[in-house]
Amino acid sequence: MSTKPVNNGEARSWRELASTHPLGMAILAGIVATHIATITGFWYHGIGLPDLDWPRFNGYLLVRSGVLAAGGKVPADVFAAADTTRLLLGWVAQTLTGVVFAVVYVTAIRPKLPWSNSARGNLAKALLWGLVLATISALWWTPALFPEFHAGFFSSNLGWKTVVGIYLWHVIWAVHVALIYNPLPAEELAVASSTPVDVDVTRSSLARA
């Protein structure tokens, strides 16, 4: 009886999926990466950074008509009060946004980047995209969309730790995108596609016994 595991194709099967089903894997990468980054954003106080509650920020952004109607004044305890609707609405918006950015990366940004499809190259590409998104977030998204918080240039009025947190959040997102969407180089994919897979016959042998 052979107990030999499936050959190297098994170890690379996930990467082959990314190579052959880029859109589906991009969506999966966006969902997982956004969820992990969002969850870890609530842990930042453990490393001396302010927590980043992006779901509530997004939910607040979507239901802030009362704030705008009040001349930009933030209601007391707007974030301290439990608001399931704002949290869930923001979480859905956050996840969908993360998926869209992952799909944009896979379909439009990544093909234009120079690095190879090695594991390191794929990580470098995703990290670059994550740093671009972090810069947009700190430079424009937070100050422009939340003028009532007076974030200032590059969100500097919120403190350097908040800016570091913004970049850390996007780095975590990018790393998980790269772990899931990690396609093979074209030449390796061609070899993998033409190489027969060694099947583990242990189960079939036991079944016949």
N, C-alpha and C. Protein backbone atom coordinates (compact mmCIF):
# COMPACT_ATOMS: atom_id res chain seq x y z
N MET A 1 0.84 -1.20 0.00
CA MET A 1 0.00 0.00 0.00
C MET A 1 0.87 1.24 0.00
N SER A 2 0.51 2.19 -0.83
CA SER A 2 1.26 3.45 -0.86
C SER A 2 0.60 4.46 0.05
N THR A 3 1.40 5.04 0.93
CA THR A 3 0.91 6.13 1.78
C THR A 3 1.57 7.44 1.40
N LYS A 4 2.18 7.47 0.22
CA LYS A 4 2.87 8.67 -0.23
C LYS A 4 1.86 9.77 -0.48
N PRO A 5 2.06 10.96 0.07
CA PRO A 5 1.11 12.04 -0.15
C PRO A 5 1.12 12.47 -1.60
N VAL A 6 0.09 13.17 -1.98
CA VAL A 6 0.03 13.70 -3.33
C VAL A 6 1.27 14.56 -3.57
N ASN A 7 1.79 14.57 -4.80
CA ASN A 7 3.04 15.25 -5.10
C ASN A 7 2.94 16.75 -4.90
N ASN A 8 3.94 17.48 -5.38
CA ASN A 8 3.99 18.91 -5.17
C ASN A 8 2.76 19.64 -5.68
N GLY A 9 2.03 18.99 -6.61
CA GLY A 9 0.81 19.63 -7.10
C GLY A 9 -0.19 19.85 -5.99
N GLU A 10 -0.19 18.97 -4.97
CA GLU A 10 -1.12 19.16 -3.85
C GLU A 10 -0.77 20.43 -3.08
N ALA A 11 0.53 20.60 -2.81
CA ALA A 11 0.95 21.78 -2.06
C ALA A 11 0.67 23.05 -2.85
N ARG A 12 0.66 22.95 -4.18
CA ARG A 12 0.46 24.14 -5.00
C ARG A 12 -0.96 24.26 -5.54
N SER A 13 -1.84 23.36 -5.11
CA SER A 13 -3.19 23.37 -5.66
C SER A 13 -3.91 24.69 -5.39
N TRP A 14 -3.64 25.26 -4.21
CA TRP A 14 -4.28 26.54 -3.89
C TRP A 14 -3.80 27.64 -4.83
N ARG A 15 -2.51 27.60 -5.13
CA ARG A 15 -1.95 28.60 -6.04
C ARG A 15 -2.44 28.37 -7.47
N GLU A 16 -2.65 27.12 -7.82
CA GLU A 16 -3.20 26.83 -9.14
C GLU A 16 -4.62 27.38 -9.27
N LEU A 17 -5.39 27.27 -8.19
CA LEU A 17 -6.74 27.84 -8.21
C LEU A 17 -6.70 29.34 -8.46
N ALA A 18 -5.75 30.02 -7.81
CA ALA A 18 -5.62 31.46 -8.03
C ALA A 18 -5.24 31.76 -9.47
N SER A 19 -4.45 30.86 -10.07
CA SER A 19 -4.02 31.07 -11.45
C SER A 19 -5.16 30.83 -12.44
N THR A 20 -6.00 29.84 -12.15
CA THR A 20 -7.03 29.44 -13.11
C THR A 20 -8.40 30.06 -12.82
N HIS A 21 -8.62 30.53 -11.59
CA HIS A 21 -9.90 31.14 -11.23
C HIS A 21 -9.65 32.46 -10.50
N PRO A 22 -9.07 33.45 -11.21
CA PRO A 22 -8.65 34.68 -10.54
C PRO A 22 -9.78 35.47 -9.91
N LEU A 23 -10.93 35.55 -10.59
CA LEU A 23 -12.01 36.37 -10.04
C LEU A 23 -12.57 35.76 -8.76
N GLY A 24 -12.83 34.47 -8.78
CA GLY A 24 -13.36 33.81 -7.59
C GLY A 24 -12.40 33.89 -6.42
N MET A 25 -11.11 33.68 -6.69
CA MET A 25 -10.12 33.75 -5.63
C MET A 25 -9.92 35.19 -5.14
N ALA A 26 -10.08 36.15 -6.03
CA ALA A 26 -9.99 37.56 -5.62
C ALA A 26 -11.13 37.90 -4.66
N ILE A 27 -12.34 37.42 -4.97
CA ILE A 27 -13.49 37.68 -4.08
C ILE A 27 -13.26 37.02 -2.73
N LEU A 28 -12.80 35.76 -2.75
CA LEU A 28 -12.52 35.07 -1.49
C LEU A 28 -11.44 35.80 -0.70
N ALA A 29 -10.38 36.22 -1.39
CA ALA A 29 -9.30 36.95 -0.72
C ALA A 29 -9.82 38.24 -0.11
N GLY A 30 -10.68 38.95 -0.82
CA GLY A 30 -11.23 40.20 -0.30
C GLY A 30 -12.06 39.99 0.95
N ILE A 31 -12.88 38.93 0.95
CA ILE A 31 -13.72 38.65 2.11
C ILE A 31 -12.88 38.31 3.33
N VAL A 32 -11.96 37.37 3.14
CA VAL A 32 -11.14 36.91 4.27
C VAL A 32 -10.22 38.03 4.77
N ALA A 33 -9.53 38.70 3.85
CA ALA A 33 -8.59 39.74 4.24
C ALA A 33 -9.28 40.89 4.96
N THR A 34 -10.45 41.29 4.47
CA THR A 34 -11.17 42.39 5.12
C THR A 34 -11.65 41.98 6.49
N HIS A 35 -12.11 40.75 6.62
CA HIS A 35 -12.59 40.29 7.92
C HIS A 35 -11.44 40.25 8.94
N ILE A 36 -10.31 39.66 8.55
CA ILE A 36 -9.18 39.57 9.47
C ILE A 36 -8.66 40.95 9.84
N ALA A 37 -8.50 41.82 8.86
CA ALA A 37 -8.01 43.17 9.15
C ALA A 37 -8.98 43.93 10.04
N THR A 38 -10.28 43.75 9.80
CA THR A 38 -11.28 44.45 10.61
C THR A 38 -11.25 43.96 12.05
N ILE A 39 -11.19 42.66 12.23
CA ILE A 39 -11.15 42.10 13.58
C ILE A 39 -9.89 42.57 14.32
N THR A 40 -8.74 42.47 13.66
CA THR A 40 -7.50 42.87 14.34
C THR A 40 -7.48 44.36 14.64
N GLY A 41 -8.28 45.15 13.91
CA GLY A 41 -8.35 46.57 14.21
C GLY A 41 -8.88 46.86 15.60
N PHE A 42 -9.63 45.91 16.18
CA PHE A 42 -10.13 46.07 17.54
C PHE A 42 -9.10 45.65 18.59
N TRP A 43 -7.96 45.13 18.15
CA TRP A 43 -6.93 44.64 19.08
C TRP A 43 -5.80 45.64 19.29
N TYR A 44 -5.82 46.75 18.58
CA TYR A 44 -4.65 47.63 18.55
C TYR A 44 -4.27 48.18 19.93
N HIS A 45 -5.26 48.31 20.80
CA HIS A 45 -4.92 48.82 22.13
C HIS A 45 -3.92 47.90 22.83
N GLY A 46 -3.86 46.65 22.40
CA GLY A 46 -2.92 45.70 23.00
C GLY A 46 -1.47 45.99 22.62
N ILE A 47 -1.25 46.79 21.58
CA ILE A 47 0.11 47.16 21.19
C ILE A 47 0.32 48.67 21.28
N GLY A 48 -0.54 49.32 22.05
CA GLY A 48 -0.36 50.74 22.30
C GLY A 48 -0.88 51.67 21.23
N LEU A 49 -1.69 51.15 20.30
CA LEU A 49 -2.29 51.98 19.25
C LEU A 49 -3.78 52.11 19.50
N PRO A 50 -4.41 53.18 19.02
CA PRO A 50 -5.86 53.27 19.15
C PRO A 50 -6.55 52.26 18.26
N ASP A 51 -7.61 51.65 18.76
CA ASP A 51 -8.39 50.71 17.95
C ASP A 51 -8.98 51.44 16.75
N LEU A 52 -9.11 50.71 15.65
CA LEU A 52 -9.74 51.25 14.45
C LEU A 52 -11.06 50.53 14.23
N ASP A 53 -12.13 51.21 14.56
CA ASP A 53 -13.48 50.64 14.42
C ASP A 53 -14.04 51.06 13.07
N TRP A 54 -13.45 50.53 12.00
CA TRP A 54 -13.89 50.92 10.67
C TRP A 54 -15.35 50.58 10.38
N PRO A 55 -15.89 49.46 10.87
CA PRO A 55 -17.32 49.21 10.60
C PRO A 55 -18.22 50.32 11.10
N ARG A 56 -17.99 50.80 12.33
CA ARG A 56 -18.84 51.87 12.84
C ARG A 56 -18.56 53.19 12.13
N PHE A 57 -17.31 53.41 11.73
CA PHE A 57 -17.02 54.61 10.95
C PHE A 57 -17.79 54.58 9.63
N ASN A 58 -17.79 53.42 8.96
CA ASN A 58 -18.54 53.31 7.72
C ASN A 58 -20.03 53.43 7.95
N GLY A 59 -20.53 52.79 9.01
CA GLY A 59 -21.94 52.90 9.32
C GLY A 59 -22.32 54.33 9.66
N TYR A 60 -21.46 55.00 10.42
CA TYR A 60 -21.70 56.41 10.76
C TYR A 60 -21.72 57.26 9.50
N LEU A 61 -20.81 56.95 8.57
CA LEU A 61 -20.75 57.71 7.32
C LEU A 61 -22.04 57.56 6.53
N LEU A 62 -22.64 56.38 6.60
CA LEU A 62 -23.84 56.12 5.81
C LEU A 62 -25.11 56.66 6.46
N VAL A 63 -25.10 56.89 7.77
CA VAL A 63 -26.32 57.35 8.46
C VAL A 63 -26.06 58.66 9.19
N ARG A 64 -25.20 59.49 8.64
CA ARG A 64 -24.80 60.73 9.32
C ARG A 64 -25.61 61.94 8.90
N SER A 65 -26.75 61.75 8.27
CA SER A 65 -27.54 62.90 7.82
C SER A 65 -27.90 63.82 8.98
N GLY A 66 -28.13 63.21 10.15
CA GLY A 66 -28.44 64.03 11.32
C GLY A 66 -27.28 64.90 11.73
N VAL A 67 -26.06 64.40 11.56
CA VAL A 67 -24.87 65.19 11.89
C VAL A 67 -24.73 66.36 10.93
N LEU A 68 -24.94 66.09 9.64
CA LEU A 68 -24.83 67.14 8.65
C LEU A 68 -25.92 68.18 8.84
N ALA A 69 -27.11 67.72 9.20
CA ALA A 69 -28.22 68.64 9.42
C ALA A 69 -27.97 69.54 10.63
N ALA A 70 -27.15 69.03 11.55
CA ALA A 70 -26.83 69.81 12.76
C ALA A 70 -25.64 70.72 12.54
N GLY A 71 -25.28 70.94 11.28
CA GLY A 71 -24.17 71.82 10.99
C GLY A 71 -22.81 71.19 11.23
N GLY A 72 -22.73 69.87 11.15
CA GLY A 72 -21.46 69.21 11.33
C GLY A 72 -21.10 68.91 12.75
N LYS A 73 -22.02 69.14 13.67
CA LYS A 73 -21.74 68.85 15.08
C LYS A 73 -22.00 67.37 15.36
N VAL A 74 -21.06 66.76 16.02
CA VAL A 74 -21.17 65.33 16.32
C VAL A 74 -22.01 65.15 17.58
N PRO A 75 -23.09 64.36 17.51
CA PRO A 75 -23.89 64.11 18.70
C PRO A 75 -23.06 63.50 19.82
N ALA A 76 -23.40 63.80 21.05
CA ALA A 76 -22.67 63.26 22.19
C ALA A 76 -22.74 61.73 22.18
N ASP A 77 -21.61 61.11 22.46
CA ASP A 77 -21.50 59.66 22.57
C ASP A 77 -21.93 58.94 21.30
N VAL A 78 -21.68 59.54 20.13
CA VAL A 78 -22.14 58.93 18.89
C VAL A 78 -21.49 57.55 18.67
N PHE A 79 -20.25 57.37 19.15
CA PHE A 79 -19.59 56.08 18.98
C PHE A 79 -19.70 55.22 20.23
N ALA A 80 -19.93 55.85 21.38
CA ALA A 80 -20.01 55.07 22.62
C ALA A 80 -21.33 54.30 22.70
N ALA A 81 -22.40 54.87 22.15
CA ALA A 81 -23.70 54.23 22.23
C ALA A 81 -23.73 52.97 21.36
N ALA A 82 -24.34 51.90 21.91
CA ALA A 82 -24.48 50.67 21.14
C ALA A 82 -25.47 50.90 20.00
N ASP A 83 -25.08 50.62 18.81
CA ASP A 83 -25.93 50.86 17.65
C ASP A 83 -25.75 49.69 16.69
N THR A 84 -26.57 48.68 16.86
CA THR A 84 -26.45 47.47 16.05
C THR A 84 -26.63 47.76 14.57
N THR A 85 -27.57 48.65 14.27
CA THR A 85 -27.82 48.96 12.86
C THR A 85 -26.60 49.58 12.23
N ARG A 86 -25.99 50.54 12.91
CA ARG A 86 -24.81 51.20 12.37
C ARG A 86 -23.65 50.21 12.23
N LEU A 87 -23.50 49.34 13.23
CA LEU A 87 -22.41 48.37 13.19
C LEU A 87 -22.58 47.39 12.03
N LEU A 88 -23.78 46.81 11.90
CA LEU A 88 -24.01 45.81 10.85
C LEU A 88 -23.96 46.45 9.46
N LEU A 89 -24.56 47.62 9.33
CA LEU A 89 -24.54 48.31 8.04
C LEU A 89 -23.11 48.64 7.65
N GLY A 90 -22.34 49.14 8.61
CA GLY A 90 -20.96 49.48 8.34
C GLY A 90 -20.12 48.26 8.03
N TRP A 91 -20.39 47.15 8.72
CA TRP A 91 -19.60 45.93 8.49
C TRP A 91 -19.84 45.39 7.08
N VAL A 92 -21.10 45.41 6.65
CA VAL A 92 -21.41 44.96 5.28
C VAL A 92 -20.73 45.87 4.27
N ALA A 93 -20.84 47.18 4.47
CA ALA A 93 -20.21 48.13 3.55
C ALA A 93 -18.70 47.95 3.53
N GLN A 94 -18.12 47.74 4.71
CA GLN A 94 -16.67 47.54 4.82
C GLN A 94 -16.24 46.29 4.06
N THR A 95 -16.97 45.20 4.24
CA THR A 95 -16.60 43.95 3.57
C THR A 95 -16.72 44.07 2.06
N LEU A 96 -17.82 44.66 1.60
CA LEU A 96 -18.01 44.81 0.15
C LEU A 96 -16.93 45.71 -0.44
N THR A 97 -16.56 46.76 0.28
CA THR A 97 -15.51 47.65 -0.20
C THR A 97 -14.18 46.90 -0.30
N GLY A 98 -13.88 46.09 0.72
CA GLY A 98 -12.65 45.31 0.69
C GLY A 98 -12.62 44.32 -0.47
N VAL A 99 -13.77 43.71 -0.77
CA VAL A 99 -13.85 42.78 -1.90
C VAL A 99 -13.62 43.53 -3.21
N VAL A 100 -14.25 44.69 -3.35
CA VAL A 100 -14.07 45.47 -4.58
C VAL A 100 -12.61 45.85 -4.78
N PHE A 101 -11.95 46.30 -3.71
CA PHE A 101 -10.54 46.68 -3.83
C PHE A 101 -9.67 45.46 -4.16
N ALA A 102 -10.02 44.29 -3.65
CA ALA A 102 -9.28 43.08 -3.98
C ALA A 102 -9.46 42.72 -5.45
N VAL A 103 -10.68 42.84 -5.95
CA VAL A 103 -10.95 42.54 -7.36
C VAL A 103 -10.25 43.55 -8.27
N VAL A 104 -10.28 44.83 -7.89
CA VAL A 104 -9.57 45.85 -8.67
C VAL A 104 -8.08 45.55 -8.70
N TYR A 105 -7.54 45.13 -7.56
CA TYR A 105 -6.12 44.78 -7.49
C TYR A 105 -5.79 43.63 -8.44
N VAL A 106 -6.59 42.58 -8.38
CA VAL A 106 -6.30 41.39 -9.18
C VAL A 106 -6.47 41.64 -10.67
N THR A 107 -7.51 42.37 -11.03
CA THR A 107 -7.83 42.52 -12.45
C THR A 107 -7.16 43.71 -13.13
N ALA A 108 -6.88 44.77 -12.38
CA ALA A 108 -6.40 46.00 -13.02
C ALA A 108 -5.02 46.46 -12.54
N ILE A 109 -4.72 46.27 -11.27
CA ILE A 109 -3.47 46.80 -10.72
C ILE A 109 -2.33 45.79 -10.82
N ARG A 110 -2.57 44.61 -10.35
CA ARG A 110 -1.53 43.58 -10.26
C ARG A 110 -0.87 43.26 -11.60
N PRO A 111 -1.65 43.14 -12.69
CA PRO A 111 -1.01 42.81 -13.98
C PRO A 111 0.00 43.85 -14.45
N LYS A 112 -0.08 45.06 -13.93
CA LYS A 112 0.82 46.13 -14.37
C LYS A 112 2.08 46.22 -13.50
N LEU A 113 2.14 45.45 -12.43
CA LEU A 113 3.30 45.51 -11.53
C LEU A 113 4.41 44.58 -12.03
N PRO A 114 5.66 44.96 -11.81
CA PRO A 114 6.77 44.27 -12.49
C PRO A 114 7.22 42.96 -11.86
N TRP A 115 6.89 42.71 -10.60
CA TRP A 115 7.46 41.54 -9.94
C TRP A 115 6.86 40.24 -10.47
N SER A 116 7.61 39.17 -10.29
CA SER A 116 7.17 37.87 -10.78
C SER A 116 6.05 37.32 -9.91
N ASN A 117 5.51 36.18 -10.33
CA ASN A 117 4.45 35.53 -9.56
C ASN A 117 5.01 34.55 -8.53
N SER A 118 6.21 34.80 -8.06
CA SER A 118 6.72 34.02 -6.94
C SER A 118 5.95 34.43 -5.69
N ALA A 119 6.07 33.65 -4.63
CA ALA A 119 5.36 33.99 -3.40
C ALA A 119 5.79 35.36 -2.90
N ARG A 120 7.09 35.64 -2.97
CA ARG A 120 7.57 36.95 -2.53
C ARG A 120 7.09 38.06 -3.45
N GLY A 121 7.12 37.78 -4.75
CA GLY A 121 6.64 38.77 -5.70
C GLY A 121 5.18 39.09 -5.50
N ASN A 122 4.36 38.05 -5.27
CA ASN A 122 2.94 38.27 -5.03
C ASN A 122 2.71 39.06 -3.75
N LEU A 123 3.51 38.79 -2.73
CA LEU A 123 3.38 39.53 -1.48
C LEU A 123 3.77 40.99 -1.68
N ALA A 124 4.84 41.24 -2.43
CA ALA A 124 5.28 42.61 -2.69
C ALA A 124 4.21 43.40 -3.44
N LYS A 125 3.56 42.76 -4.41
CA LYS A 125 2.51 43.43 -5.17
C LYS A 125 1.34 43.82 -4.27
N ALA A 126 0.90 42.86 -3.47
CA ALA A 126 -0.23 43.14 -2.59
C ALA A 126 0.10 44.20 -1.55
N LEU A 127 1.33 44.15 -1.01
CA LEU A 127 1.73 45.15 -0.02
C LEU A 127 1.77 46.54 -0.64
N LEU A 128 2.25 46.64 -1.86
CA LEU A 128 2.27 47.95 -2.53
C LEU A 128 0.86 48.51 -2.67
N TRP A 129 -0.08 47.67 -3.09
CA TRP A 129 -1.47 48.10 -3.23
C TRP A 129 -2.06 48.47 -1.87
N GLY A 130 -1.73 47.70 -0.85
CA GLY A 130 -2.21 48.03 0.49
C GLY A 130 -1.67 49.36 0.97
N LEU A 131 -0.40 49.65 0.69
CA LEU A 131 0.19 50.93 1.11
C LEU A 131 -0.44 52.10 0.34
N VAL A 132 -0.77 51.87 -0.93
CA VAL A 132 -1.46 52.91 -1.70
C VAL A 132 -2.83 53.21 -1.08
N LEU A 133 -3.57 52.15 -0.73
CA LEU A 133 -4.88 52.34 -0.11
C LEU A 133 -4.76 53.02 1.25
N ALA A 134 -3.74 52.66 2.02
CA ALA A 134 -3.53 53.29 3.32
C ALA A 134 -3.24 54.78 3.16
N THR A 135 -2.44 55.12 2.17
CA THR A 135 -2.11 56.53 1.92
C THR A 135 -3.36 57.31 1.51
N ILE A 136 -4.18 56.71 0.66
CA ILE A 136 -5.44 57.36 0.27
C ILE A 136 -6.34 57.55 1.49
N SER A 137 -6.37 56.55 2.36
CA SER A 137 -7.21 56.62 3.56
C SER A 137 -6.76 57.74 4.48
N ALA A 138 -5.45 57.82 4.74
CA ALA A 138 -4.93 58.83 5.67
C ALA A 138 -4.93 60.22 5.05
N LEU A 139 -4.64 60.28 3.76
CA LEU A 139 -4.49 61.58 3.10
C LEU A 139 -5.81 62.20 2.68
N TRP A 140 -6.77 61.35 2.23
CA TRP A 140 -8.02 61.90 1.70
C TRP A 140 -9.26 61.37 2.40
N TRP A 141 -9.42 60.04 2.49
CA TRP A 141 -10.68 59.46 2.93
C TRP A 141 -11.10 59.97 4.31
N THR A 142 -10.22 59.84 5.28
CA THR A 142 -10.58 60.23 6.65
C THR A 142 -10.77 61.74 6.78
N PRO A 143 -9.82 62.58 6.33
CA PRO A 143 -10.03 64.03 6.49
C PRO A 143 -11.19 64.58 5.67
N ALA A 144 -11.36 64.09 4.43
CA ALA A 144 -12.37 64.67 3.54
C ALA A 144 -13.78 64.21 3.88
N LEU A 145 -13.94 62.95 4.26
CA LEU A 145 -15.27 62.42 4.50
C LEU A 145 -15.76 62.63 5.93
N PHE A 146 -14.85 62.98 6.83
CA PHE A 146 -15.22 63.24 8.22
C PHE A 146 -14.71 64.62 8.65
N PRO A 147 -15.15 65.68 7.98
CA PRO A 147 -14.64 67.02 8.33
C PRO A 147 -14.96 67.43 9.76
N GLU A 148 -16.04 66.86 10.32
CA GLU A 148 -16.42 67.22 11.68
C GLU A 148 -15.41 66.77 12.73
N PHE A 149 -14.50 65.85 12.34
CA PHE A 149 -13.49 65.39 13.28
C PHE A 149 -12.17 66.15 13.16
N HIS A 150 -12.09 67.06 12.15
CA HIS A 150 -10.91 67.91 12.00
C HIS A 150 -9.63 67.07 12.01
N ALA A 151 -9.59 66.06 11.14
CA ALA A 151 -8.46 65.14 11.12
C ALA A 151 -7.17 65.82 10.69
N GLY A 152 -7.27 66.89 9.87
CA GLY A 152 -6.09 67.60 9.43
C GLY A 152 -5.37 66.90 8.29
N PHE A 153 -4.27 67.52 7.85
CA PHE A 153 -3.51 66.97 6.73
C PHE A 153 -2.95 65.60 7.11
N PHE A 154 -3.19 64.64 6.26
CA PHE A 154 -2.73 63.26 6.45
C PHE A 154 -3.22 62.70 7.78
N SER A 155 -4.38 63.14 8.22
CA SER A 155 -5.00 62.69 9.47
C SER A 155 -4.11 62.93 10.69
N SER A 156 -3.20 63.91 10.57
CA SER A 156 -2.21 64.13 11.62
C SER A 156 -2.81 64.62 12.92
N ASN A 157 -3.97 65.30 12.84
CA ASN A 157 -4.60 65.78 14.07
C ASN A 157 -5.14 64.64 14.93
N LEU A 158 -5.28 63.49 14.34
CA LEU A 158 -5.75 62.33 15.10
C LEU A 158 -4.61 61.64 15.85
N GLY A 159 -3.39 62.11 15.63
CA GLY A 159 -2.23 61.54 16.30
C GLY A 159 -1.48 60.57 15.42
N TRP A 160 -0.16 60.51 15.60
CA TRP A 160 0.66 59.65 14.75
C TRP A 160 0.32 58.18 14.93
N LYS A 161 -0.16 57.81 16.12
CA LYS A 161 -0.50 56.41 16.35
C LYS A 161 -1.70 55.99 15.50
N THR A 162 -2.62 56.91 15.28
CA THR A 162 -3.76 56.60 14.41
C THR A 162 -3.29 56.39 12.98
N VAL A 163 -2.38 57.24 12.53
CA VAL A 163 -1.84 57.09 11.16
C VAL A 163 -1.11 55.76 11.04
N VAL A 164 -0.32 55.39 12.04
CA VAL A 164 0.36 54.09 12.03
C VAL A 164 -0.67 52.97 11.98
N GLY A 165 -1.75 53.12 12.76
CA GLY A 165 -2.81 52.11 12.76
C GLY A 165 -3.46 51.96 11.40
N ILE A 166 -3.66 53.06 10.71
CA ILE A 166 -4.24 53.00 9.36
C ILE A 166 -3.35 52.18 8.43
N TYR A 167 -2.05 52.43 8.50
CA TYR A 167 -1.13 51.68 7.65
C TYR A 167 -1.05 50.22 8.07
N LEU A 168 -1.04 49.97 9.38
CA LEU A 168 -0.99 48.58 9.85
C LEU A 168 -2.22 47.81 9.39
N TRP A 169 -3.38 48.44 9.47
CA TRP A 169 -4.63 47.79 9.05
C TRP A 169 -4.52 47.35 7.59
N HIS A 170 -4.04 48.25 6.75
CA HIS A 170 -3.97 47.93 5.32
C HIS A 170 -2.86 46.93 5.00
N VAL A 171 -1.79 46.93 5.79
CA VAL A 171 -0.75 45.92 5.60
C VAL A 171 -1.29 44.54 5.94
N ILE A 172 -2.04 44.43 7.04
CA ILE A 172 -2.65 43.15 7.40
C ILE A 172 -3.60 42.69 6.30
N TRP A 173 -4.38 43.61 5.78
CA TRP A 173 -5.30 43.28 4.67
C TRP A 173 -4.52 42.77 3.48
N ALA A 174 -3.44 43.47 3.12
CA ALA A 174 -2.67 43.11 1.93
C ALA A 174 -1.99 41.76 2.10
N VAL A 175 -1.46 41.48 3.27
CA VAL A 175 -0.80 40.20 3.51
C VAL A 175 -1.77 39.05 3.31
N HIS A 176 -2.99 39.19 3.80
CA HIS A 176 -3.97 38.11 3.66
C HIS A 176 -4.48 37.99 2.23
N VAL A 177 -4.55 39.11 1.53
CA VAL A 177 -4.88 39.02 0.10
C VAL A 177 -3.81 38.22 -0.62
N ALA A 178 -2.53 38.50 -0.30
CA ALA A 178 -1.43 37.80 -0.97
C ALA A 178 -1.38 36.32 -0.59
N LEU A 179 -1.76 35.99 0.64
CA LEU A 179 -1.74 34.59 1.05
C LEU A 179 -2.79 33.78 0.30
N ILE A 180 -3.93 34.40 0.03
CA ILE A 180 -5.02 33.68 -0.64
C ILE A 180 -4.91 33.79 -2.15
N TYR A 181 -4.67 35.00 -2.65
CA TYR A 181 -4.47 35.15 -4.09
C TYR A 181 -2.97 35.14 -4.36
N ASN A 182 -2.44 33.95 -4.58
CA ASN A 182 -1.00 33.74 -4.71
C ASN A 182 -0.73 32.84 -5.92
N PRO A 183 -0.98 33.34 -7.14
CA PRO A 183 -0.89 32.49 -8.33
C PRO A 183 0.53 32.07 -8.64
N LEU A 184 0.62 31.01 -9.41
CA LEU A 184 1.91 30.49 -9.85
C LEU A 184 2.43 31.28 -11.04
N PRO A 185 3.75 31.31 -11.23
CA PRO A 185 4.29 31.84 -12.49
C PRO A 185 3.78 31.01 -13.66
N ALA A 186 3.69 31.62 -14.82
CA ALA A 186 3.11 30.95 -15.99
C ALA A 186 3.83 29.64 -16.31
N GLU A 187 5.17 29.65 -16.19
CA GLU A 187 5.90 28.43 -16.54
C GLU A 187 5.62 27.30 -15.54
N GLU A 188 5.49 27.64 -14.26
CA GLU A 188 5.19 26.63 -13.25
C GLU A 188 3.77 26.12 -13.41
N LEU A 189 2.86 27.01 -13.77
CA LEU A 189 1.47 26.59 -13.99
C LEU A 189 1.40 25.62 -15.15
N ALA A 190 2.16 25.88 -16.21
CA ALA A 190 2.16 24.98 -17.36
C ALA A 190 2.68 23.60 -16.98
N VAL A 191 3.74 23.56 -16.17
CA VAL A 191 4.30 22.29 -15.72
C VAL A 191 3.30 21.56 -14.82
N ALA A 192 2.69 22.32 -13.90
CA ALA A 192 1.73 21.71 -12.97
C ALA A 192 0.53 21.14 -13.71
N SER A 193 0.10 21.84 -14.76
CA SER A 193 -1.07 21.40 -15.51
C SER A 193 -0.79 20.13 -16.30
N SER A 194 0.49 19.94 -16.68
CA SER A 194 0.83 18.78 -17.50
C SER A 194 1.39 17.62 -16.69
N THR A 195 1.55 17.83 -15.36
CA THR A 195 2.11 16.78 -14.51
C THR A 195 1.00 15.95 -13.89
N PRO A 196 0.99 14.64 -14.08
CA PRO A 196 -0.04 13.82 -13.46
C PRO A 196 0.10 13.84 -11.95
N VAL A 197 -1.02 13.77 -11.28
CA VAL A 197 -1.04 13.81 -9.82
C VAL A 197 -0.95 12.40 -9.26
N ASP A 198 -0.03 12.19 -8.31
CA ASP A 198 0.09 10.90 -7.63
C ASP A 198 -1.01 10.80 -6.58
N VAL A 199 -1.89 9.86 -6.74
CA VAL A 199 -3.03 9.75 -5.83
C VAL A 199 -2.65 8.91 -4.63
N ASP A 200 -3.07 9.31 -3.47
CA ASP A 200 -2.87 8.53 -2.25
C ASP A 200 -3.89 7.39 -2.29
N VAL A 201 -3.38 6.18 -2.43
CA VAL A 201 -4.27 5.03 -2.62
C VAL A 201 -4.63 4.36 -1.31
N THR A 202 -4.26 4.95 -0.18
CA THR A 202 -4.51 4.31 1.10
C THR A 202 -5.99 4.03 1.30
N ARG A 203 -6.81 5.03 1.06
CA ARG A 203 -8.25 4.86 1.31
C ARG A 203 -8.85 3.84 0.37
N SER A 204 -8.44 3.92 -0.93
CA SER A 204 -9.04 2.99 -1.88
C SER A 204 -8.61 1.55 -1.57
N SER A 205 -7.36 1.39 -1.12
CA SER A 205 -6.89 0.05 -0.78
C SER A 205 -7.62 -0.49 0.42
N LEU A 206 -7.85 0.35 1.41
CA LEU A 206 -8.59 -0.08 2.59
C LEU A 206 -10.04 -0.40 2.25
N ALA A 207 -10.59 0.38 1.30
CA ALA A 207 -11.97 0.16 0.92
C ALA A 207 -12.15 -1.21 0.26
N ARG A 208 -11.09 -1.66 -0.47
CA ARG A 208 -11.20 -2.93 -1.16
C ARG A 208 -10.86 -4.10 -0.25
N ALA A 209 -10.23 -3.78 0.88
CA ALA A 209 -9.78 -4.86 1.78
C ALA A 209 -10.95 -5.54 2.46
